[in-house]
Amino acid sequence: LTFYTLPGHCCSRLTTHDSAVSKNQHSVTFTMKGKVVLLLSLIICICAYFISPKCPSAVLSKLLAVFQNPENVGDSSRLKVFSKEELGKYKGENGGSIYLALVGNVYDVSKGRKHYGPGGGYEFFAGIDGSKAYVTGHFDKDGLVDDISELTPAEILALENWKSFYEKDYTLIGKVEGAFYDKNGAELPSLDVYRKQLAVAGLEKDMVENDNRMFPPCNSEWSQASNSGRVWCTTKSGGIIRDWVGVPRMYYVAGNSKPRCACVRTTGPPSHDPDNINHQNRGDLDNPNLNVYPHCSETSSSCPMPR
């Protein structure tokens, strides 16, 4: 998906408020300019000392350009702020542009017209910030909203994956006034909550990945014809490549009502205490959170799946 800047929105007359914003933008530009000057000055010194007395002249020309054209410094950080009403005009009607917003960021998805344009499978996302619906799947009026306060950290992570998709395949063109940004484009508390939830989700994901490395998921299969199935372990089951096979166990994890199948070690020290030299050489067979499957031998690498 590709996004383009809107023509005709950069030349509106400044109001008193706009003038204040403009002054703030100039202060940001000056700060950026100061950093550039400092960096180029350092390069001049290095050029003169290590390379050639003529080298600084090329750098000086760039330094002069910074002073003569300060408006060219930091332009990439200036994004248009849409009102909800204005964003709603870009739904691709009559061949027009198609914009959508996610977590307050506006993307031009015009090149994905067959998906987001009139009659497309995702046309309901056009012209709005429907962040919540991306992970809930509720594409009605109540679901297509930017209020994500009820989402879990895992759902926030899924939303961030969608955001990464749009940033990769489309072009970011602005922000929309709403739950995440005010009418001037300043961040609102909801965006900070989003980031904190995302950090929590990252920690939870790391915990799950570490747990899967310790107790790799089993392979499984189910036959409708025989109404039966099995779980089994290999050196690659669960996508965890290792030098041991293990045996299937029903693994009960805190917070989950149902167990998952895990492959566990049958020899060596227990996984939670790998440095224990006084172990019984039974691996994790005595872990109270790991139960033997019904009708299965304690040492079998394959077990019938409970019905």
C-alpha atoms as a PDB file:
ATOM      1  CA  LEU A   1       0.000   0.000   0.000  1.00  0.00           C
ATOM      2  CA  THR A   2       1.386   3.455  -0.912  1.00  0.00           C
ATOM      3  CA  PHE A   3       0.620   6.855   0.573  1.00  0.00           C
ATOM      4  CA  TYR A   4       1.026  10.291  -1.010  1.00  0.00           C
ATOM      5  CA  THR A   5       0.907  13.785   0.442  1.00  0.00           C
ATOM      6  CA  LEU A   6      -2.210  15.782  -0.270  1.00  0.00           C
ATOM      7  CA  PRO A   7      -1.919  18.669  -2.741  1.00  0.00           C
ATOM      8  CA  GLY A   8      -3.142  22.061  -1.658  1.00  0.00           C
ATOM      9  CA  HIS A   9      -2.794  21.644   2.118  1.00  0.00           C
ATOM     10  CA  CYS A  10       0.566  23.283   2.658  1.00  0.00           C
ATOM     11  CA  CYS A  11      -0.240  26.874   1.803  1.00  0.00           C
ATOM     12  CA  SER A  12      -3.159  27.842   4.060  1.00  0.00           C
ATOM     13  CA  ARG A  13      -3.019  31.241   5.801  1.00  0.00           C
ATOM     14  CA  LEU A  14      -1.584  31.201   9.344  1.00  0.00           C
ATOM     15  CA  THR A  15      -3.934  32.164  12.173  1.00  0.00           C
ATOM     16  CA  THR A  16      -2.669  33.441  15.539  1.00  0.00           C
ATOM     17  CA  HIS A  17      -2.533  29.846  16.780  1.00  0.00           C
ATOM     18  CA  ASP A  18      -0.794  28.708  13.602  1.00  0.00           C
ATOM     19  CA  SER A  19       1.842  31.384  14.151  1.00  0.00           C
ATOM     20  CA  ALA A  20       2.603  29.970  17.585  1.00  0.00           C
ATOM     21  CA  VAL A  21       2.929  26.513  16.126  1.00  0.00           C
ATOM     22  CA  SER A  22       5.193  27.897  13.402  1.00  0.00           C
ATOM     23  CA  LYS A  23       7.469  29.429  16.039  1.00  0.00           C
ATOM     24  CA  ASN A  24       7.712  26.089  17.796  1.00  0.00           C
ATOM     25  CA  GLN A  25       8.589  24.421  14.497  1.00  0.00           C
ATOM     26  CA  HIS A  26      11.360  27.007  13.942  1.00  0.00           C
ATOM     27  CA  SER A  27      12.772  26.264  17.411  1.00  0.00           C
ATOM     28  CA  VAL A  28      12.851  22.569  16.520  1.00  0.00           C
ATOM     29  CA  THR A  29      14.528  23.451  13.220  1.00  0.00           C
ATOM     30  CA  PHE A  30      17.128  25.536  15.058  1.00  0.00           C
ATOM     31  CA  THR A  31      17.888  22.649  17.390  1.00  0.00           C
ATOM     32  CA  MET A  32      18.322  20.326  14.430  1.00  0.00           C
ATOM     33  CA  LYS A  33      20.464  22.936  12.700  1.00  0.00           C
ATOM     34  CA  GLY A  34      22.678  23.256  15.754  1.00  0.00           C
ATOM     35  CA  LYS A  35      23.306  19.521  15.766  1.00  0.00           C
ATOM     36  CA  VAL A  36      24.172  19.573  12.076  1.00  0.00           C
ATOM     37  CA  VAL A  37      26.582  22.503  12.589  1.00  0.00           C
ATOM     38  CA  LEU A  38      28.322  20.699  15.445  1.00  0.00           C
ATOM     39  CA  LEU A  39      28.696  17.514  13.419  1.00  0.00           C
ATOM     40  CA  LEU A  40      30.022  19.291  10.323  1.00  0.00           C
ATOM     41  CA  SER A  41      32.450  21.336  12.419  1.00  0.00           C
ATOM     42  CA  LEU A  42      33.874  18.132  13.809  1.00  0.00           C
ATOM     43  CA  ILE A  43      34.212  16.721  10.286  1.00  0.00           C
ATOM     44  CA  ILE A  44      36.077  19.875   9.196  1.00  0.00           C
ATOM     45  CA  CYS A  45      38.622  19.425  11.977  1.00  0.00           C
ATOM     46  CA  ILE A  46      39.129  15.760  11.087  1.00  0.00           C
ATOM     47  CA  CYS A  47      39.486  16.581   7.376  1.00  0.00           C
ATOM     48  CA  ALA A  48      42.056  19.306   7.971  1.00  0.00           C
ATOM     49  CA  TYR A  49      44.165  17.245  10.364  1.00  0.00           C
ATOM     50  CA  PHE A  50      44.098  13.788   8.810  1.00  0.00           C
ATOM     51  CA  ILE A  51      43.275  14.198   5.116  1.00  0.00           C
ATOM     52  CA  SER A  52      44.012  17.471   3.369  1.00  0.00           C
ATOM     53  CA  PRO A  53      43.774  21.240   3.964  1.00  0.00           C
ATOM     54  CA  LYS A  54      41.477  21.367   0.907  1.00  0.00           C
ATOM     55  CA  CYS A  55      38.987  18.916   2.361  1.00  0.00           C
ATOM     56  CA  PRO A  56      37.176  21.381   4.666  1.00  0.00           C
ATOM     57  CA  SER A  57      36.049  23.553   1.725  1.00  0.00           C
ATOM     58  CA  ALA A  58      33.542  20.900   0.597  1.00  0.00           C
ATOM     59  CA  VAL A  59      32.190  20.556   4.106  1.00  0.00           C
ATOM     60  CA  LEU A  60      31.949  24.331   4.521  1.00  0.00           C
ATOM     61  CA  SER A  61      29.699  24.568   1.472  1.00  0.00           C
ATOM     62  CA  LYS A  62      27.270  22.174   3.104  1.00  0.00           C
ATOM     63  CA  LEU A  63      27.483  24.110   6.367  1.00  0.00           C
ATOM     64  CA  LEU A  64      26.601  27.314   4.534  1.00  0.00           C
ATOM     65  CA  ALA A  65      23.625  25.588   2.924  1.00  0.00           C
ATOM     66  CA  VAL A  66      22.266  24.770   6.360  1.00  0.00           C
ATOM     67  CA  PHE A  67      22.229  28.449   7.323  1.00  0.00           C
ATOM     68  CA  GLN A  68      20.830  29.604   4.008  1.00  0.00           C
ATOM     69  CA  ASN A  69      18.056  26.977   3.870  1.00  0.00           C
ATOM     70  CA  PRO A  70      17.008  26.137   7.454  1.00  0.00           C
ATOM     71  CA  GLU A  71      13.546  25.131   6.233  1.00  0.00           C
ATOM     72  CA  ASN A  72      15.060  22.018   4.629  1.00  0.00           C
ATOM     73  CA  VAL A  73      16.204  20.678   7.994  1.00  0.00           C
ATOM     74  CA  GLY A  74      13.741  18.380   9.758  1.00  0.00           C
ATOM     75  CA  ASP A  75      10.956  18.555   7.152  1.00  0.00           C
ATOM     76  CA  SER A  76      10.389  14.794   7.334  1.00  0.00           C
ATOM     77  CA  SER A  77       9.031  15.121  10.887  1.00  0.00           C
ATOM     78  CA  ARG A  78       6.206  17.465   9.852  1.00  0.00           C
ATOM     79  CA  LEU A  79       3.044  15.486   9.310  1.00  0.00           C
ATOM     80  CA  LYS A  80      -0.417  16.804   8.496  1.00  0.00           C
ATOM     81  CA  VAL A  81      -3.016  16.440  11.245  1.00  0.00           C
ATOM     82  CA  PHE A  82      -6.425  15.378   9.955  1.00  0.00           C
ATOM     83  CA  SER A  83      -9.701  15.918  11.726  1.00  0.00           C
ATOM     84  CA  LYS A  84     -12.013  12.906  11.759  1.00  0.00           C
ATOM     85  CA  GLU A  85     -14.350  14.713   9.385  1.00  0.00           C
ATOM     86  CA  GLU A  86     -11.552  15.458   6.931  1.00  0.00           C
ATOM     87  CA  LEU A  87     -10.212  11.895   7.028  1.00  0.00           C
ATOM     88  CA  GLY A  88     -13.723  10.654   6.306  1.00  0.00           C
ATOM     89  CA  LYS A  89     -13.581  12.282   2.863  1.00  0.00           C
ATOM     90  CA  TYR A  90     -10.935   9.834   1.642  1.00  0.00           C
ATOM     91  CA  LYS A  91     -12.833   6.624   1.018  1.00  0.00           C
ATOM     92  CA  GLY A  92     -11.954   6.249  -2.649  1.00  0.00           C
ATOM     93  CA  GLU A  93     -15.284   7.443  -3.987  1.00  0.00           C
ATOM     94  CA  ASN A  94     -15.269   8.507  -7.654  1.00  0.00           C
ATOM     95  CA  GLY A  95     -11.692   7.272  -8.017  1.00  0.00           C
ATOM     96  CA  GLY A  96     -10.395   9.491  -5.227  1.00  0.00           C
ATOM     97  CA  SER A  97      -7.625   8.739  -2.750  1.00  0.00           C
ATOM     98  CA  ILE A  98      -8.111   6.233   0.051  1.00  0.00           C
ATOM     99  CA  TYR A  99      -6.738   6.943   3.516  1.00  0.00           C
ATOM    100  CA  LEU A 100      -7.107   4.989   6.722  1.00  0.00           C
ATOM    101  CA  ALA A 101      -5.717   5.423  10.211  1.00  0.00           C
ATOM    102  CA  LEU A 102      -4.269   2.967  12.685  1.00  0.00           C
ATOM    103  CA  VAL A 103      -3.224   3.958  16.217  1.00  0.00           C
ATOM    104  CA  GLY A 104      -3.637   7.559  15.098  1.00  0.00           C
ATOM    105  CA  ASN A 105      -1.305   7.286  12.093  1.00  0.00           C
ATOM    106  CA  VAL A 106      -2.773   8.016   8.663  1.00  0.00           C
ATOM    107  CA  TYR A 107      -1.737   5.929   5.662  1.00  0.00           C
ATOM    108  CA  ASP A 108      -2.544   6.310   1.979  1.00  0.00           C
ATOM    109  CA  VAL A 109      -3.810   2.917   0.844  1.00  0.00           C
ATOM    110  CA  SER A 110      -4.919   4.027  -2.616  1.00  0.00           C
ATOM    111  CA  LYS A 111      -2.867   1.375  -4.361  1.00  0.00           C
ATOM    112  CA  GLY A 112      -4.857  -1.228  -2.444  1.00  0.00           C
ATOM    113  CA  ARG A 113      -8.101   0.084  -3.899  1.00  0.00           C
ATOM    114  CA  LYS A 114      -9.438  -3.402  -4.613  1.00  0.00           C
ATOM    115  CA  HIS A 115      -9.266  -4.107  -0.877  1.00  0.00           C
ATOM    116  CA  TYR A 116     -10.045  -0.725   0.708  1.00  0.00           C
ATOM    117  CA  GLY A 117     -12.034   1.018  -2.009  1.00  0.00           C
ATOM    118  CA  PRO A 118     -15.808   0.913  -2.543  1.00  0.00           C
ATOM    119  CA  GLY A 119     -16.924  -2.703  -2.761  1.00  0.00           C
ATOM    120  CA  GLY A 120     -13.633  -4.031  -1.359  1.00  0.00           C
ATOM    121  CA  GLY A 121     -13.466  -6.553   1.441  1.00  0.00           C
ATOM    122  CA  TYR A 122     -11.981  -3.991   3.836  1.00  0.00           C
ATOM    123  CA  GLU A 123     -13.748  -0.850   2.684  1.00  0.00           C
ATOM    124  CA  PHE A 124     -15.038  -0.272   6.230  1.00  0.00           C
ATOM    125  CA  PHE A 125     -11.498   0.713   7.307  1.00  0.00           C
ATOM    126  CA  ALA A 126     -11.317   3.580   4.798  1.00  0.00           C
ATOM    127  CA  GLY A 127     -11.654   7.122   6.111  1.00  0.00           C
ATOM    128  CA  ILE A 128     -11.499   6.222   9.812  1.00  0.00           C
ATOM    129  CA  ASP A 129      -9.279   4.998  12.620  1.00  0.00           C
ATOM    130  CA  GLY A 130     -10.814   1.592  13.353  1.00  0.00           C
ATOM    131  CA  SER A 131      -7.873   0.285  15.384  1.00  0.00           C
ATOM    132  CA  LYS A 132      -9.916  -1.858  17.756  1.00  0.00           C
ATOM    133  CA  ALA A 133     -11.538  -3.868  14.965  1.00  0.00           C
ATOM    134  CA  TYR A 134      -8.176  -5.049  13.616  1.00  0.00           C
ATOM    135  CA  VAL A 135      -7.845  -7.462  16.530  1.00  0.00           C
ATOM    136  CA  THR A 136     -11.444  -8.002  17.665  1.00  0.00           C
ATOM    137  CA  GLY A 137     -12.905  -8.707  14.237  1.00  0.00           C
ATOM    138  CA  HIS A 138     -15.993  -6.647  15.059  1.00  0.00           C
ATOM    139  CA  PHE A 139     -16.552  -4.548  11.958  1.00  0.00           C
ATOM    140  CA  ASP A 140     -19.707  -2.770  13.061  1.00  0.00           C
ATOM    141  CA  LYS A 141     -20.171   0.769  14.334  1.00  0.00           C
ATOM    142  CA  ASP A 142     -19.204  -0.176  17.893  1.00  0.00           C
ATOM    143  CA  GLY A 143     -16.145  -2.135  16.801  1.00  0.00           C
ATOM    144  CA  LEU A 144     -14.659   0.267  14.243  1.00  0.00           C
ATOM    145  CA  VAL A 145     -13.340   2.755  16.811  1.00  0.00           C
ATOM    146  CA  ASP A 146      -9.968   4.047  18.007  1.00  0.00           C
ATOM    147  CA  ASP A 147     -10.668   3.229  21.675  1.00  0.00           C
ATOM    148  CA  ILE A 148      -8.337   0.333  22.507  1.00  0.00           C
ATOM    149  CA  SER A 149      -8.456   0.663  26.291  1.00  0.00           C
ATOM    150  CA  GLU A 150     -10.055  -2.774  26.677  1.00  0.00           C
ATOM    151  CA  LEU A 151      -7.470  -4.660  24.623  1.00  0.00           C
ATOM    152  CA  THR A 152      -5.082  -7.085  26.302  1.00  0.00           C
ATOM    153  CA  PRO A 153      -1.292  -6.790  25.881  1.00  0.00           C
ATOM    154  CA  ALA A 154      -1.390  -9.721  23.451  1.00  0.00           C
ATOM    155  CA  GLU A 155      -4.023  -7.921  21.363  1.00  0.00           C
ATOM    156  CA  ILE A 156      -1.934  -4.733  21.464  1.00  0.00           C
ATOM    157  CA  LEU A 157       0.982  -6.744  20.093  1.00  0.00           C
ATOM    158  CA  ALA A 158      -1.231  -8.032  17.273  1.00  0.00           C
ATOM    159  CA  LEU A 159      -2.243  -4.428  16.541  1.00  0.00           C
ATOM    160  CA  GLU A 160       1.412  -3.415  16.416  1.00  0.00           C
ATOM    161  CA  ASN A 161       1.994  -6.156  13.842  1.00  0.00           C
ATOM    162  CA  TRP A 162      -0.735  -4.584  11.697  1.00  0.00           C
ATOM    163  CA  LYS A 163       0.936  -1.206  12.165  1.00  0.00           C
ATOM    164  CA  SER A 164       4.256  -2.651  11.003  1.00  0.00           C
ATOM    165  CA  PHE A 165       2.500  -4.066   7.933  1.00  0.00           C
ATOM    166  CA  TYR A 166       1.147  -0.666   6.911  1.00  0.00           C
ATOM    167  CA  GLU A 167       4.466   1.050   7.554  1.00  0.00           C
ATOM    168  CA  LYS A 168       6.197  -1.491   5.347  1.00  0.00           C
ATOM    169  CA  ASP A 169       3.740  -1.624   2.444  1.00  0.00           C
ATOM    170  CA  TYR A 170       2.241   1.865   2.513  1.00  0.00           C
ATOM    171  CA  THR A 171       3.271   5.465   3.163  1.00  0.00           C
ATOM    172  CA  LEU A 172       2.649   7.353   6.375  1.00  0.00           C
ATOM    173  CA  ILE A 173       1.157  10.746   5.473  1.00  0.00           C
ATOM    174  CA  GLY A 174      -0.159  12.182   8.726  1.00  0.00           C
ATOM    175  CA  LYS A 175      -1.970  11.834  12.017  1.00  0.00           C
ATOM    176  CA  VAL A 176      -5.644  12.009  12.898  1.00  0.00           C
ATOM    177  CA  GLU A 177      -7.193  13.857  15.800  1.00  0.00           C
ATOM    178  CA  GLY A 178      -8.773  11.344  18.146  1.00  0.00           C
ATOM    179  CA  ALA A 179      -7.728   8.940  20.881  1.00  0.00           C
ATOM    180  CA  PHE A 180      -3.978   9.234  20.247  1.00  0.00           C
ATOM    181  CA  TYR A 181      -3.321  12.802  19.041  1.00  0.00           C
ATOM    182  CA  ASP A 182      -4.970  16.161  19.646  1.00  0.00           C
ATOM    183  CA  LYS A 183      -5.831  18.673  16.916  1.00  0.00           C
ATOM    184  CA  ASN A 184      -2.233  19.964  16.913  1.00  0.00           C
ATOM    185  CA  GLY A 185      -0.702  16.506  16.561  1.00  0.00           C
ATOM    186  CA  ALA A 186       0.462  16.334  20.187  1.00  0.00           C
ATOM    187  CA  GLU A 187       0.432  12.892  21.770  1.00  0.00           C
ATOM    188  CA  LEU A 188      -2.379  12.018  24.164  1.00  0.00           C
ATOM    189  CA  PRO A 189      -2.189   9.676  27.206  1.00  0.00           C
ATOM    190  CA  SER A 190      -3.728   6.799  25.220  1.00  0.00           C
ATOM    191  CA  LEU A 191      -0.586   6.573  23.087  1.00  0.00           C
ATOM    192  CA  ASP A 192       1.590   6.254  26.179  1.00  0.00           C
ATOM    193  CA  VAL A 193      -0.727   3.511  27.496  1.00  0.00           C
ATOM    194  CA  TYR A 194      -0.404   1.789  24.128  1.00  0.00           C
ATOM    195  CA  ARG A 195       3.399   1.808  24.382  1.00  0.00           C
ATOM    196  CA  LYS A 196       3.337   0.472  27.943  1.00  0.00           C
ATOM    197  CA  GLN A 197       0.956  -2.311  26.970  1.00  0.00           C
ATOM    198  CA  LEU A 198       3.220  -3.097  24.042  1.00  0.00           C
ATOM    199  CA  ALA A 199       6.198  -3.382  26.408  1.00  0.00           C
ATOM    200  CA  VAL A 200       4.224  -5.768  28.627  1.00  0.00           C
ATOM    201  CA  ALA A 201       3.266  -7.801  25.566  1.00  0.00           C
ATOM    202  CA  GLY A 202       6.926  -8.023  24.582  1.00  0.00           C
ATOM    203  CA  LEU A 203       7.818  -9.396  28.016  1.00  0.00           C
ATOM    204  CA  GLU A 204       4.976 -11.910  27.848  1.00  0.00           C
ATOM    205  CA  LYS A 205       6.099 -13.007  24.405  1.00  0.00           C
ATOM    206  CA  ASP A 206       9.650 -13.506  25.685  1.00  0.00           C
ATOM    207  CA  MET A 207       8.328 -15.579  28.577  1.00  0.00           C
ATOM    208  CA  VAL A 208       6.322 -17.796  26.223  1.00  0.00           C
ATOM    209  CA  GLU A 209       9.304 -18.259  23.917  1.00  0.00           C
ATOM    210  CA  ASN A 210      11.562 -19.165  26.854  1.00  0.00           C
ATOM    211  CA  ASP A 211       8.930 -21.580  28.134  1.00  0.00           C
ATOM    212  CA  ASN A 212       8.660 -23.201  24.692  1.00  0.00           C
ATOM    213  CA  ARG A 213      12.414 -23.661  24.567  1.00  0.00           C
ATOM    214  CA  MET A 214      12.335 -25.335  27.965  1.00  0.00           C
ATOM    215  CA  PHE A 215       9.264 -27.454  27.195  1.00  0.00           C
ATOM    216  CA  PRO A 216       8.891 -27.622  23.375  1.00  0.00           C
ATOM    217  CA  PRO A 217       5.345 -28.125  22.003  1.00  0.00           C
ATOM    218  CA  CYS A 218       4.492 -31.612  20.729  1.00  0.00           C
ATOM    219  CA  ASN A 219       3.522 -32.660  17.234  1.00  0.00           C
ATOM    220  CA  SER A 220      -0.127 -33.645  16.963  1.00  0.00           C
ATOM    221  CA  GLU A 221      -2.569 -35.152  14.498  1.00  0.00           C
ATOM    222  CA  TRP A 222      -6.267 -36.017  14.507  1.00  0.00           C
ATOM    223  CA  SER A 223      -8.261 -38.326  12.265  1.00  0.00           C
ATOM    224  CA  GLN A 224     -11.939 -37.582  11.702  1.00  0.00           C
ATOM    225  CA  ALA A 225     -12.451 -41.060  10.281  1.00  0.00           C
ATOM    226  CA  SER A 226     -11.312 -42.848  13.414  1.00  0.00           C
ATOM    227  CA  ASN A 227     -12.217 -40.003  15.766  1.00  0.00           C
ATOM    228  CA  SER A 228      -8.829 -40.328  17.383  1.00  0.00           C
ATOM    229  CA  GLY A 229      -5.460 -38.680  17.394  1.00  0.00           C
ATOM    230  CA  ARG A 230      -2.025 -38.671  18.916  1.00  0.00           C
ATOM    231  CA  VAL A 231       0.729 -36.401  20.197  1.00  0.00           C
ATOM    232  CA  TRP A 232       4.424 -37.183  19.827  1.00  0.00           C
ATOM    233  CA  CYS A 233       7.892 -35.747  20.186  1.00  0.00           C
ATOM    234  CA  THR A 234      10.891 -35.494  17.868  1.00  0.00           C
ATOM    235  CA  THR A 235      14.128 -33.519  17.885  1.00  0.00           C
ATOM    236  CA  LYS A 236      12.321 -30.789  15.896  1.00  0.00           C
ATOM    237  CA  SER A 237       8.809 -30.824  17.357  1.00  0.00           C
ATOM    238  CA  GLY A 238       7.389 -27.416  18.165  1.00  0.00           C
ATOM    239  CA  GLY A 239       9.958 -25.860  15.851  1.00  0.00           C
ATOM    240  CA  ILE A 240      12.560 -26.193  18.616  1.00  0.00           C
ATOM    241  CA  ILE A 241      15.624 -27.950  17.237  1.00  0.00           C
ATOM    242  CA  ARG A 242      17.454 -29.845  19.954  1.00  0.00           C
ATOM    243  CA  ASP A 243      19.602 -32.932  20.614  1.00  0.00           C
ATOM    244  CA  TRP A 244      16.971 -34.750  22.682  1.00  0.00           C
ATOM    245  CA  VAL A 245      13.520 -36.144  21.844  1.00  0.00           C
ATOM    246  CA  GLY A 246      11.604 -36.156  25.113  1.00  0.00           C
ATOM    247  CA  VAL A 247       8.214 -37.572  25.992  1.00  0.00           C
ATOM    248  CA  PRO A 248       4.730 -35.963  25.770  1.00  0.00           C
ATOM    249  CA  ARG A 249       3.246 -34.496  28.921  1.00  0.00           C
ATOM    250  CA  MET A 250       0.157 -32.471  29.728  1.00  0.00           C
ATOM    251  CA  TYR A 251       1.698 -29.169  30.785  1.00  0.00           C
ATOM    252  CA  TYR A 252      -0.372 -26.982  33.098  1.00  0.00           C
ATOM    253  CA  VAL A 253       0.611 -23.310  32.900  1.00  0.00           C
ATOM    254  CA  ALA A 254      -0.522 -20.778  35.482  1.00  0.00           C
ATOM    255  CA  GLY A 255      -3.412 -18.710  34.163  1.00  0.00           C
ATOM    256  CA  ASN A 256      -4.560 -21.287  31.604  1.00  0.00           C
ATOM    257  CA  SER A 257      -7.495 -23.582  32.320  1.00  0.00           C
ATOM    258  CA  LYS A 258      -6.402 -26.213  29.803  1.00  0.00           C
ATOM    259  CA  PRO A 259      -2.991 -27.885  29.515  1.00  0.00           C
ATOM    260  CA  ARG A 260      -0.853 -27.899  26.398  1.00  0.00           C
ATOM    261  CA  CYS A 261       1.240 -30.784  25.183  1.00  0.00           C
ATOM    262  CA  ALA A 262       4.929 -30.374  25.986  1.00  0.00           C
ATOM    263  CA  CYS A 263       7.955 -32.524  25.248  1.00  0.00           C
ATOM    264  CA  VAL A 264      10.029 -32.996  28.384  1.00  0.00           C
ATOM    265  CA  ARG A 265      13.472 -34.346  29.136  1.00  0.00           C
ATOM    266  CA  THR A 266      13.751 -37.827  30.598  1.00  0.00           C
ATOM    267  CA  THR A 267      17.380 -37.642  31.700  1.00  0.00           C
ATOM    268  CA  GLY A 268      19.759 -35.153  33.269  1.00  0.00           C
ATOM    269  CA  PRO A 269      18.938 -32.415  35.804  1.00  0.00           C
ATOM    270  CA  PRO A 270      15.519 -30.724  35.896  1.00  0.00           C
ATOM    271  CA  SER A 271      15.168 -27.746  33.569  1.00  0.00           C
ATOM    272  CA  HIS A 272      14.508 -25.310  36.414  1.00  0.00           C
ATOM    273  CA  ASP A 273      17.743 -26.340  38.165  1.00  0.00           C
ATOM    274  CA  PRO A 274      20.272 -27.286  35.439  1.00  0.00           C
ATOM    275  CA  ASP A 275      23.313 -26.872  37.724  1.00  0.00           C
ATOM    276  CA  ASN A 276      22.103 -29.352  40.337  1.00  0.00           C
ATOM    277  CA  ILE A 277      24.815 -32.003  40.609  1.00  0.00           C
ATOM    278  CA  ASN A 278      22.742 -34.126  42.989  1.00  0.00           C
ATOM    279  CA  HIS A 279      19.872 -34.697  40.536  1.00  0.00           C
ATOM    280  CA  GLN A 280      18.190 -38.082  40.038  1.00  0.00           C
ATOM    281  CA  ASN A 281      18.877 -38.175  36.272  1.00  0.00           C
ATOM    282  CA  ARG A 282      15.154 -38.012  35.532  1.00  0.00           C
ATOM    283  CA  GLY A 283      15.033 -34.694  33.713  1.00  0.00           C
ATOM    284  CA  ASP A 284      11.593 -33.123  34.189  1.00  0.00           C
ATOM    285  CA  LEU A 285       9.654 -36.354  34.787  1.00  0.00           C
ATOM    286  CA  ASP A 286       8.992 -35.364  38.407  1.00  0.00           C
ATOM    287  CA  ASN A 287       7.773 -31.839  37.662  1.00  0.00           C
ATOM    288  CA  PRO A 288       4.320 -31.506  39.344  1.00  0.00           C
ATOM    289  CA  ASN A 289       3.029 -29.332  36.449  1.00  0.00           C
ATOM    290  CA  LEU A 290       3.694 -32.108  33.929  1.00  0.00           C
ATOM    291  CA  ASN A 291       1.226 -35.003  33.897  1.00  0.00           C
ATOM    292  CA  VAL A 292       1.383 -38.275  31.983  1.00  0.00           C
ATOM    293  CA  TYR A 293      -1.289 -38.648  29.280  1.00  0.00           C
ATOM    294  CA  PRO A 294      -4.010 -41.216  30.030  1.00  0.00           C
ATOM    295  CA  HIS A 295      -3.381 -44.650  28.530  1.00  0.00           C
ATOM    296  CA  CYS A 296       0.252 -43.795  27.797  1.00  0.00           C
ATOM    297  CA  SER A 297       3.524 -45.157  29.119  1.00  0.00           C
ATOM    298  CA  GLU A 298       5.658 -42.766  31.148  1.00  0.00           C
ATOM    299  CA  THR A 299       8.559 -43.247  28.722  1.00  0.00           C
ATOM    300  CA  SER A 300       6.676 -43.371  25.404  1.00  0.00           C
ATOM    301  CA  SER A 301       7.515 -40.668  22.839  1.00  0.00           C
ATOM    302  CA  SER A 302       3.996 -40.941  21.362  1.00  0.00           C
ATOM    303  CA  CYS A 303       0.659 -40.899  23.223  1.00  0.00           C
ATOM    304  CA  PRO A 304      -3.015 -41.151  22.235  1.00  0.00           C
ATOM    305  CA  MET A 305      -4.776 -37.785  22.313  1.00  0.00           C
ATOM    306  CA  PRO A 306      -7.591 -37.554  24.887  1.00  0.00           C
ATOM    307  CA  ARG A 307     -11.066 -37.294  23.314  1.00  0.00           C
END
